[in-house]
Amino acid sequence: MEITEKTIQYVADLAKLTVPDEKKGQAAKDLKNILGYMETMNQLDTEGVEPMSHVLPIKNVFREDEVVNRNEREQLLKNAPRKKDGSFVVPKTVE
């Protein structure tokens, strides 16, 4: 596939990007290199290779949810701009 400055302009238009004229030649060269590398990758024998989402093994590091009922009302209301009877006071939104 021939990558020209016209091709770069077309792709830039699709992506809604502005590419200065002086950068189009370098962008075309870079895109040719990327496509050339992809062609090299397509020639590799991947028969029997399991697809993976990441090159490194990923382990879920999230903690389990633990439900805890605490009476922290005063601490929660400490920074409230307005409060009344242990609740937040907010502007009326419905008449």
PDB file of N, CA and C in Angstrom:
ATOM      1  N   MET A   1       0.847  -1.184   0.000  1.00  0.00           N
ATOM      2  CA  MET A   1       0.000   0.000   0.000  1.00  0.00           C
ATOM      3  C   MET A   1       0.885   1.236   0.000  1.00  0.00           C
ATOM      4  N   GLU A   2       0.598   2.123  -0.903  1.00  0.00           N
ATOM      5  CA  GLU A   2       1.369   3.369  -1.013  1.00  0.00           C
ATOM      6  C   GLU A   2       0.826   4.399  -0.031  1.00  0.00           C
ATOM      7  N   ILE A   3       1.676   4.863   0.874  1.00  0.00           N
ATOM      8  CA  ILE A   3       1.295   5.893   1.838  1.00  0.00           C
ATOM      9  C   ILE A   3       1.878   7.215   1.347  1.00  0.00           C
ATOM     10  N   THR A   4       0.994   8.129   1.000  1.00  0.00           N
ATOM     11  CA  THR A   4       1.428   9.428   0.507  1.00  0.00           C
ATOM     12  C   THR A   4       0.952  10.515   1.465  1.00  0.00           C
ATOM     13  N   GLU A   5       1.364  11.727   1.193  1.00  0.00           N
ATOM     14  CA  GLU A   5       0.890  12.851   1.999  1.00  0.00           C
ATOM     15  C   GLU A   5      -0.617  13.023   1.853  1.00  0.00           C
ATOM     16  N   LYS A   6      -1.149  12.648   0.688  1.00  0.00           N
ATOM     17  CA  LYS A   6      -2.589  12.698   0.478  1.00  0.00           C
ATOM     18  C   LYS A   6      -3.298  11.698   1.396  1.00  0.00           C
ATOM     19  N   THR A   7      -2.698  10.513   1.555  1.00  0.00           N
ATOM     20  CA  THR A   7      -3.249   9.513   2.472  1.00  0.00           C
ATOM     21  C   THR A   7      -3.225  10.031   3.900  1.00  0.00           C
ATOM     22  N   ILE A   8      -2.136  10.666   4.275  1.00  0.00           N
ATOM     23  CA  ILE A   8      -2.014  11.230   5.623  1.00  0.00           C
ATOM     24  C   ILE A   8      -3.093  12.283   5.843  1.00  0.00           C
ATOM     25  N   GLN A   9      -3.334  13.124   4.856  1.00  0.00           N
ATOM     26  CA  GLN A   9      -4.360  14.160   4.980  1.00  0.00           C
ATOM     27  C   GLN A   9      -5.742  13.528   5.128  1.00  0.00           C
ATOM     28  N   TYR A  10      -5.992  12.455   4.361  1.00  0.00           N
ATOM     29  CA  TYR A  10      -7.279  11.767   4.433  1.00  0.00           C
ATOM     30  C   TYR A  10      -7.504  11.177   5.832  1.00  0.00           C
ATOM     31  N   VAL A  11      -6.488  10.513   6.369  1.00  0.00           N
ATOM     32  CA  VAL A  11      -6.590   9.928   7.710  1.00  0.00           C
ATOM     33  C   VAL A  11      -6.745  11.026   8.759  1.00  0.00           C
ATOM     34  N   ALA A  12      -6.014  12.103   8.597  1.00  0.00           N
ATOM     35  CA  ALA A  12      -6.120  13.225   9.531  1.00  0.00           C
ATOM     36  C   ALA A  12      -7.526  13.819   9.502  1.00  0.00           C
ATOM     37  N   ASP A  13      -8.108  13.924   8.322  1.00  0.00           N
ATOM     38  CA  ASP A  13      -9.477  14.437   8.203  1.00  0.00           C
ATOM     39  C   ASP A  13     -10.466  13.508   8.896  1.00  0.00           C
ATOM     40  N   LEU A  14     -10.288  12.200   8.718  1.00  0.00           N
ATOM     41  CA  LEU A  14     -11.166  11.237   9.379  1.00  0.00           C
ATOM     42  C   LEU A  14     -11.078  11.355  10.895  1.00  0.00           C
ATOM     43  N   ALA A  15      -9.863  11.572  11.388  1.00  0.00           N
ATOM     44  CA  ALA A  15      -9.641  11.675  12.827  1.00  0.00           C
ATOM     45  C   ALA A  15      -9.855  13.091  13.351  1.00  0.00           C
ATOM     46  N   LYS A  16     -10.228  13.993  12.453  1.00  0.00           N
ATOM     47  CA  LYS A  16     -10.425  15.405  12.805  1.00  0.00           C
ATOM     48  C   LYS A  16      -9.167  15.994  13.463  1.00  0.00           C
ATOM     49  N   LEU A  17      -8.025  15.710  12.844  1.00  0.00           N
ATOM     50  CA  LEU A  17      -6.734  16.222  13.300  1.00  0.00           C
ATOM     51  C   LEU A  17      -6.180  17.193  12.275  1.00  0.00           C
ATOM     52  N   THR A  18      -5.365  18.098  12.753  1.00  0.00           N
ATOM     53  CA  THR A  18      -4.663  19.006  11.859  1.00  0.00           C
ATOM     54  C   THR A  18      -3.200  18.585  11.826  1.00  0.00           C
ATOM     55  N   VAL A  19      -2.720  18.253  10.640  1.00  0.00           N
ATOM     56  CA  VAL A  19      -1.317  17.873  10.471  1.00  0.00           C
ATOM     57  C   VAL A  19      -0.670  18.951   9.611  1.00  0.00           C
ATOM     58  N   PRO A  20       0.316  19.666  10.165  1.00  0.00           N
ATOM     59  CA  PRO A  20       0.987  20.693   9.367  1.00  0.00           C
ATOM     60  C   PRO A  20       1.658  20.084   8.132  1.00  0.00           C
ATOM     61  N   ASP A  21       1.715  20.858   7.044  1.00  0.00           N
ATOM     62  CA  ASP A  21       2.298  20.365   5.798  1.00  0.00           C
ATOM     63  C   ASP A  21       3.719  19.860   5.977  1.00  0.00           C
ATOM     64  N   GLU A  22       4.496  20.532   6.832  1.00  0.00           N
ATOM     65  CA  GLU A  22       5.892  20.117   7.011  1.00  0.00           C
ATOM     66  C   GLU A  22       6.024  18.806   7.773  1.00  0.00           C
ATOM     67  N   LYS A  23       4.955  18.349   8.426  1.00  0.00           N
ATOM     68  CA  LYS A  23       4.990  17.095   9.188  1.00  0.00           C
ATOM     69  C   LYS A  23       4.405  15.917   8.405  1.00  0.00           C
ATOM     70  N   LYS A  24       3.741  16.170   7.289  1.00  0.00           N
ATOM     71  CA  LYS A  24       3.079  15.106   6.541  1.00  0.00           C
ATOM     72  C   LYS A  24       4.064  14.097   5.972  1.00  0.00           C
ATOM     73  N   GLY A  25       5.212  14.545   5.500  1.00  0.00           N
ATOM     74  CA  GLY A  25       6.215  13.628   4.957  1.00  0.00           C
ATOM     75  C   GLY A  25       6.720  12.667   6.016  1.00  0.00           C
ATOM     76  N   GLN A  26       7.014  13.189   7.210  1.00  0.00           N
ATOM     77  CA  GLN A  26       7.482  12.347   8.308  1.00  0.00           C
ATOM     78  C   GLN A  26       6.379  11.400   8.770  1.00  0.00           C
ATOM     79  N   ALA A  27       5.133  11.882   8.801  1.00  0.00           N
ATOM     80  CA  ALA A  27       4.013  11.036   9.207  1.00  0.00           C
ATOM     81  C   ALA A  27       3.818   9.888   8.219  1.00  0.00           C
ATOM     82  N   ALA A  28       3.970  10.168   6.933  1.00  0.00           N
ATOM     83  CA  ALA A  28       3.857   9.118   5.915  1.00  0.00           C
ATOM     84  C   ALA A  28       4.952   8.075   6.103  1.00  0.00           C
ATOM     85  N   LYS A  29       6.164   8.529   6.362  1.00  0.00           N
ATOM     86  CA  LYS A  29       7.288   7.608   6.588  1.00  0.00           C
ATOM     87  C   LYS A  29       7.036   6.754   7.828  1.00  0.00           C
ATOM     88  N   ASP A  30       6.562   7.372   8.910  1.00  0.00           N
ATOM     89  CA  ASP A  30       6.288   6.635  10.144  1.00  0.00           C
ATOM     90  C   ASP A  30       5.187   5.601   9.935  1.00  0.00           C
ATOM     91  N   LEU A  31       4.128   5.981   9.213  1.00  0.00           N
ATOM     92  CA  LEU A  31       3.033   5.054   8.961  1.00  0.00           C
ATOM     93  C   LEU A  31       3.503   3.882   8.097  1.00  0.00           C
ATOM     94  N   LYS A  32       4.376   4.141   7.126  1.00  0.00           N
ATOM     95  CA  LYS A  32       4.941   3.052   6.312  1.00  0.00           C
ATOM     96  C   LYS A  32       5.717   2.082   7.188  1.00  0.00           C
ATOM     97  N   ASN A  33       6.499   2.608   8.134  1.00  0.00           N
ATOM     98  CA  ASN A  33       7.264   1.746   9.043  1.00  0.00           C
ATOM     99  C   ASN A  33       6.339   0.896   9.912  1.00  0.00           C
ATOM    100  N   ILE A  34       5.284   1.489  10.407  1.00  0.00           N
ATOM    101  CA  ILE A  34       4.336   0.755  11.251  1.00  0.00           C
ATOM    102  C   ILE A  34       3.671  -0.361  10.449  1.00  0.00           C
ATOM    103  N   LEU A  35       3.204  -0.038   9.241  1.00  0.00           N
ATOM    104  CA  LEU A  35       2.554  -1.052   8.411  1.00  0.00           C
ATOM    105  C   LEU A  35       3.541  -2.145   7.995  1.00  0.00           C
ATOM    106  N   GLY A  36       4.783  -1.774   7.769  1.00  0.00           N
ATOM    107  CA  GLY A  36       5.812  -2.763   7.453  1.00  0.00           C
ATOM    108  C   GLY A  36       6.039  -3.718   8.617  1.00  0.00           C
ATOM    109  N   TYR A  37       6.046  -3.190   9.823  1.00  0.00           N
ATOM    110  CA  TYR A  37       6.213  -4.024  11.014  1.00  0.00           C
ATOM    111  C   TYR A  37       5.014  -4.963  11.165  1.00  0.00           C
ATOM    112  N   MET A  38       3.808  -4.452  10.899  1.00  0.00           N
ATOM    113  CA  MET A  38       2.620  -5.287  11.004  1.00  0.00           C
ATOM    114  C   MET A  38       2.676  -6.425   9.973  1.00  0.00           C
ATOM    115  N   GLU A  39       3.199  -6.140   8.792  1.00  0.00           N
ATOM    116  CA  GLU A  39       3.347  -7.188   7.779  1.00  0.00           C
ATOM    117  C   GLU A  39       4.318  -8.261   8.261  1.00  0.00           C
ATOM    118  N   THR A  40       5.396  -7.850   8.909  1.00  0.00           N
ATOM    119  CA  THR A  40       6.343  -8.802   9.482  1.00  0.00           C
ATOM    120  C   THR A  40       5.646  -9.667  10.536  1.00  0.00           C
ATOM    121  N   MET A  41       4.832  -9.052  11.372  1.00  0.00           N
ATOM    122  CA  MET A  41       4.113  -9.793  12.407  1.00  0.00           C
ATOM    123  C   MET A  41       3.124 -10.782  11.785  1.00  0.00           C
ATOM    124  N   ASN A  42       2.505 -10.410  10.660  1.00  0.00           N
ATOM    125  CA  ASN A  42       1.551 -11.297   9.999  1.00  0.00           C
ATOM    126  C   ASN A  42       2.214 -12.542   9.430  1.00  0.00           C
ATOM    127  N   GLN A  43       3.518 -12.504   9.184  1.00  0.00           N
ATOM    128  CA  GLN A  43       4.233 -13.641   8.616  1.00  0.00           C
ATOM    129  C   GLN A  43       4.639 -14.672   9.667  1.00  0.00           C
ATOM    130  N   LEU A  44       4.493 -14.332  10.938  1.00  0.00           N
ATOM    131  CA  LEU A  44       4.872 -15.261  12.006  1.00  0.00           C
ATOM    132  C   LEU A  44       3.879 -16.403  12.109  1.00  0.00           C
ATOM    133  N   ASP A  45       4.389 -17.592  12.443  1.00  0.00           N
ATOM    134  CA  ASP A  45       3.540 -18.762  12.631  1.00  0.00           C
ATOM    135  C   ASP A  45       2.976 -18.718  14.051  1.00  0.00           C
ATOM    136  N   THR A  46       1.681 -18.515  14.170  1.00  0.00           N
ATOM    137  CA  THR A  46       1.048 -18.432  15.486  1.00  0.00           C
ATOM    138  C   THR A  46       0.136 -19.627  15.742  1.00  0.00           C
ATOM    139  N   GLU A  47       0.318 -20.684  14.984  1.00  0.00           N
ATOM    140  CA  GLU A  47      -0.499 -21.884  15.160  1.00  0.00           C
ATOM    141  C   GLU A  47      -0.274 -22.450  16.560  1.00  0.00           C
ATOM    142  N   GLY A  48      -1.361 -22.659  17.281  1.00  0.00           N
ATOM    143  CA  GLY A  48      -1.279 -23.236  18.620  1.00  0.00           C
ATOM    144  C   GLY A  48      -0.960 -22.245  19.719  1.00  0.00           C
ATOM    145  N   VAL A  49      -0.819 -20.970  19.385  1.00  0.00           N
ATOM    146  CA  VAL A  49      -0.524 -19.955  20.387  1.00  0.00           C
ATOM    147  C   VAL A  49      -1.846 -19.408  20.917  1.00  0.00           C
ATOM    148  N   GLU A  50      -2.024 -19.482  22.230  1.00  0.00           N
ATOM    149  CA  GLU A  50      -3.251 -18.982  22.845  1.00  0.00           C
ATOM    150  C   GLU A  50      -3.276 -17.457  22.798  1.00  0.00           C
ATOM    151  N   PRO A  51      -4.399 -16.871  22.411  1.00  0.00           N
ATOM    152  CA  PRO A  51      -4.512 -15.405  22.454  1.00  0.00           C
ATOM    153  C   PRO A  51      -4.427 -14.915  23.896  1.00  0.00           C
ATOM    154  N   MET A  52      -3.880 -13.729  24.084  1.00  0.00           N
ATOM    155  CA  MET A  52      -3.806 -13.172  25.429  1.00  0.00           C
ATOM    156  C   MET A  52      -4.127 -11.688  25.370  1.00  0.00           C
ATOM    157  N   SER A  53      -4.584 -11.165  26.486  1.00  0.00           N
ATOM    158  CA  SER A  53      -4.951  -9.759  26.525  1.00  0.00           C
ATOM    159  C   SER A  53      -3.787  -8.883  26.955  1.00  0.00           C
ATOM    160  N   HIS A  54      -2.758  -9.491  27.523  1.00  0.00           N
ATOM    161  CA  HIS A  54      -1.618  -8.718  28.017  1.00  0.00           C
ATOM    162  C   HIS A  54      -0.387  -9.612  28.006  1.00  0.00           C
ATOM    163  N   VAL A  55       0.776  -9.026  27.804  1.00  0.00           N
ATOM    164  CA  VAL A  55       1.989  -9.835  27.734  1.00  0.00           C
ATOM    165  C   VAL A  55       2.451 -10.323  29.095  1.00  0.00           C
ATOM    166  N   LEU A  56       2.043  -9.658  30.152  1.00  0.00           N
ATOM    167  CA  LEU A  56       2.399 -10.070  31.503  1.00  0.00           C
ATOM    168  C   LEU A  56       1.196 -10.682  32.193  1.00  0.00           C
ATOM    169  N   PRO A  57       1.418 -11.652  33.081  1.00  0.00           N
ATOM    170  CA  PRO A  57       0.263 -12.194  33.803  1.00  0.00           C
ATOM    171  C   PRO A  57      -0.332 -11.135  34.719  1.00  0.00           C
ATOM    172  N   ILE A  58      -1.643 -11.008  34.664  1.00  0.00           N
ATOM    173  CA  ILE A  58      -2.325  -9.997  35.467  1.00  0.00           C
ATOM    174  C   ILE A  58      -3.163 -10.703  36.520  1.00  0.00           C
ATOM    175  N   LYS A  59      -3.053 -10.239  37.742  1.00  0.00           N
ATOM    176  CA  LYS A  59      -3.817 -10.807  38.844  1.00  0.00           C
ATOM    177  C   LYS A  59      -4.716  -9.705  39.399  1.00  0.00           C
ATOM    178  N   ASN A  60      -5.953 -10.051  39.672  1.00  0.00           N
ATOM    179  CA  ASN A  60      -6.876  -9.090  40.249  1.00  0.00           C
ATOM    180  C   ASN A  60      -6.396  -8.730  41.650  1.00  0.00           C
ATOM    181  N   VAL A  61      -6.132  -7.450  41.866  1.00  0.00           N
ATOM    182  CA  VAL A  61      -5.620  -7.010  43.166  1.00  0.00           C
ATOM    183  C   VAL A  61      -6.687  -6.321  44.004  1.00  0.00           C
ATOM    184  N   PHE A  62      -7.942  -6.373  43.537  1.00  0.00           N
ATOM    185  CA  PHE A  62      -9.010  -5.737  44.293  1.00  0.00           C
ATOM    186  C   PHE A  62      -9.346  -6.562  45.525  1.00  0.00           C
ATOM    187  N   ARG A  63      -9.723  -5.904  46.566  1.00  0.00           N
ATOM    188  CA  ARG A  63     -10.127  -6.593  47.789  1.00  0.00           C
ATOM    189  C   ARG A  63     -11.587  -6.992  47.683  1.00  0.00           C
ATOM    190  N   GLU A  64     -11.971  -7.945  48.469  1.00  0.00           N
ATOM    191  CA  GLU A  64     -13.367  -8.345  48.529  1.00  0.00           C
ATOM    192  C   GLU A  64     -14.169  -7.254  49.226  1.00  0.00           C
ATOM    193  N   ASP A  65     -15.394  -7.034  48.785  1.00  0.00           N
ATOM    194  CA  ASP A  65     -16.269  -6.077  49.451  1.00  0.00           C
ATOM    195  C   ASP A  65     -16.665  -6.622  50.810  1.00  0.00           C
ATOM    196  N   GLU A  66     -16.609  -5.778  51.796  1.00  0.00           N
ATOM    197  CA  GLU A  66     -16.975  -6.173  53.143  1.00  0.00           C
ATOM    198  C   GLU A  66     -18.005  -5.170  53.652  1.00  0.00           C
ATOM    199  N   VAL A  67     -19.197  -5.654  53.932  1.00  0.00           N
ATOM    200  CA  VAL A  67     -20.266  -4.786  54.404  1.00  0.00           C
ATOM    201  C   VAL A  67     -20.062  -4.542  55.891  1.00  0.00           C
ATOM    202  N   VAL A  68     -19.990  -3.259  56.245  1.00  0.00           N
ATOM    203  CA  VAL A  68     -19.791  -2.886  57.640  1.00  0.00           C
ATOM    204  C   VAL A  68     -20.788  -1.781  57.964  1.00  0.00           C
ATOM    205  N   ASN A  69     -21.592  -1.981  58.969  1.00  0.00           N
ATOM    206  CA  ASN A  69     -22.529  -0.966  59.411  1.00  0.00           C
ATOM    207  C   ASN A  69     -21.900  -0.208  60.574  1.00  0.00           C
ATOM    208  N   ARG A  70     -21.682   1.050  60.368  1.00  0.00           N
ATOM    209  CA  ARG A  70     -21.075   1.890  61.402  1.00  0.00           C
ATOM    210  C   ARG A  70     -21.957   3.105  61.624  1.00  0.00           C
ATOM    211  N   ASN A  71     -21.944   3.608  62.808  1.00  0.00           N
ATOM    212  CA  ASN A  71     -22.680   4.819  63.120  1.00  0.00           C
ATOM    213  C   ASN A  71     -21.695   5.985  63.067  1.00  0.00           C
ATOM    214  N   GLU A  72     -21.464   6.525  61.865  1.00  0.00           N
ATOM    215  CA  GLU A  72     -20.507   7.612  61.668  1.00  0.00           C
ATOM    216  C   GLU A  72     -21.224   8.881  61.211  1.00  0.00           C
ATOM    217  N   ARG A  73     -22.474   9.038  61.596  1.00  0.00           N
ATOM    218  CA  ARG A  73     -23.268  10.170  61.141  1.00  0.00           C
ATOM    219  C   ARG A  73     -22.604  11.496  61.466  1.00  0.00           C
ATOM    220  N   GLU A  74     -22.127  11.662  62.678  1.00  0.00           N
ATOM    221  CA  GLU A  74     -21.512  12.941  63.068  1.00  0.00           C
ATOM    222  C   GLU A  74     -20.266  13.228  62.243  1.00  0.00           C
ATOM    223  N   GLN A  75     -19.454  12.213  62.003  1.00  0.00           N
ATOM    224  CA  GLN A  75     -18.254  12.404  61.191  1.00  0.00           C
ATOM    225  C   GLN A  75     -18.634  12.753  59.751  1.00  0.00           C
ATOM    226  N   LEU A  76     -19.669  12.118  59.206  1.00  0.00           N
ATOM    227  CA  LEU A  76     -20.102  12.408  57.843  1.00  0.00           C
ATOM    228  C   LEU A  76     -20.660  13.826  57.722  1.00  0.00           C
ATOM    229  N   LEU A  77     -21.336  14.284  58.736  1.00  0.00           N
ATOM    230  CA  LEU A  77     -21.951  15.610  58.696  1.00  0.00           C
ATOM    231  C   LEU A  77     -21.000  16.732  59.092  1.00  0.00           C
ATOM    232  N   LYS A  78     -19.808  16.384  59.522  1.00  0.00           N
ATOM    233  CA  LYS A  78     -18.859  17.377  60.017  1.00  0.00           C
ATOM    234  C   LYS A  78     -18.580  18.484  58.990  1.00  0.00           C
ATOM    235  N   ASN A  79     -18.481  18.149  57.728  1.00  0.00           N
ATOM    236  CA  ASN A  79     -18.151  19.131  56.690  1.00  0.00           C
ATOM    237  C   ASN A  79     -19.363  19.636  55.923  1.00  0.00           C
ATOM    238  N   ALA A  80     -20.568  19.268  56.349  1.00  0.00           N
ATOM    239  CA  ALA A  80     -21.773  19.709  55.651  1.00  0.00           C
ATOM    240  C   ALA A  80     -21.952  21.210  55.835  1.00  0.00           C
ATOM    241  N   PRO A  81     -22.253  21.937  54.746  1.00  0.00           N
ATOM    242  CA  PRO A  81     -22.458  23.380  54.890  1.00  0.00           C
ATOM    243  C   PRO A  81     -23.682  23.691  55.755  1.00  0.00           C
ATOM    244  N   ARG A  82     -24.731  22.860  55.633  1.00  0.00           N
ATOM    245  CA  ARG A  82     -25.929  23.039  56.466  1.00  0.00           C
ATOM    246  C   ARG A  82     -26.425  21.664  56.879  1.00  0.00           C
ATOM    247  N   LYS A  83     -26.864  21.547  58.123  1.00  0.00           N
ATOM    248  CA  LYS A  83     -27.413  20.294  58.604  1.00  0.00           C
ATOM    249  C   LYS A  83     -28.541  20.589  59.578  1.00  0.00           C
ATOM    250  N   LYS A  84     -29.444  19.628  59.694  1.00  0.00           N
ATOM    251  CA  LYS A  84     -30.579  19.790  60.602  1.00  0.00           C
ATOM    252  C   LYS A  84     -31.029  18.401  61.049  1.00  0.00           C
ATOM    253  N   ASP A  85     -31.165  18.207  62.303  1.00  0.00           N
ATOM    254  CA  ASP A  85     -31.634  16.941  62.877  1.00  0.00           C
ATOM    255  C   ASP A  85     -30.835  15.744  62.374  1.00  0.00           C
ATOM    256  N   GLY A  86     -29.520  15.881  62.257  1.00  0.00           N
ATOM    257  CA  GLY A  86     -28.662  14.772  61.844  1.00  0.00           C
ATOM    258  C   GLY A  86     -28.725  14.456  60.374  1.00  0.00           C
ATOM    259  N   SER A  87     -29.182  15.402  59.540  1.00  0.00           N
ATOM    260  CA  SER A  87     -29.274  15.181  58.090  1.00  0.00           C
ATOM    261  C   SER A  87     -28.722  16.389  57.341  1.00  0.00           C
ATOM    262  N   PHE A  88     -28.363  16.174  56.083  1.00  0.00           N
ATOM    263  CA  PHE A  88     -27.929  17.263  55.222  1.00  0.00           C
ATOM    264  C   PHE A  88     -29.130  18.125  54.867  1.00  0.00           C
ATOM    265  N   VAL A  89     -28.928  19.437  54.791  1.00  0.00           N
ATOM    266  CA  VAL A  89     -29.956  20.345  54.308  1.00  0.00           C
ATOM    267  C   VAL A  89     -29.533  20.778  52.908  1.00  0.00           C
ATOM    268  N   VAL A  90     -30.444  20.529  51.946  1.00  0.00           N
ATOM    269  CA  VAL A  90     -30.135  20.857  50.549  1.00  0.00           C
ATOM    270  C   VAL A  90     -31.236  21.746  50.000  1.00  0.00           C
ATOM    271  N   PRO A  91     -30.970  22.482  48.928  1.00  0.00           N
ATOM    272  CA  PRO A  91     -32.001  23.337  48.349  1.00  0.00           C
ATOM    273  C   PRO A  91     -33.166  22.500  47.827  1.00  0.00           C
ATOM    274  N   LYS A  92     -34.350  23.041  47.909  1.00  0.00           N
ATOM    275  CA  LYS A  92     -35.547  22.387  47.411  1.00  0.00           C
ATOM    276  C   LYS A  92     -35.472  22.287  45.887  1.00  0.00           C
ATOM    277  N   THR A  93     -35.745  21.100  45.347  1.00  0.00           N
ATOM    278  CA  THR A  93     -35.682  20.917  43.896  1.00  0.00           C
ATOM    279  C   THR A  93     -37.045  20.679  43.283  1.00  0.00           C
ATOM    280  N   VAL A  94     -38.034  20.304  44.066  1.00  0.00           N
ATOM    281  CA  VAL A  94     -39.378  20.039  43.556  1.00  0.00           C
ATOM    282  C   VAL A  94     -40.360  20.901  44.341  1.00  0.00           C
ATOM    283  N   GLU A  95     -41.228  21.583  43.635  1.00  0.00           N
ATOM    284  CA  GLU A  95     -42.236  22.438  44.296  1.00  0.00           C
ATOM    285  C   GLU A  95     -43.421  21.618  44.704  1.00  0.00           C
TER     286      GLU A  95
END
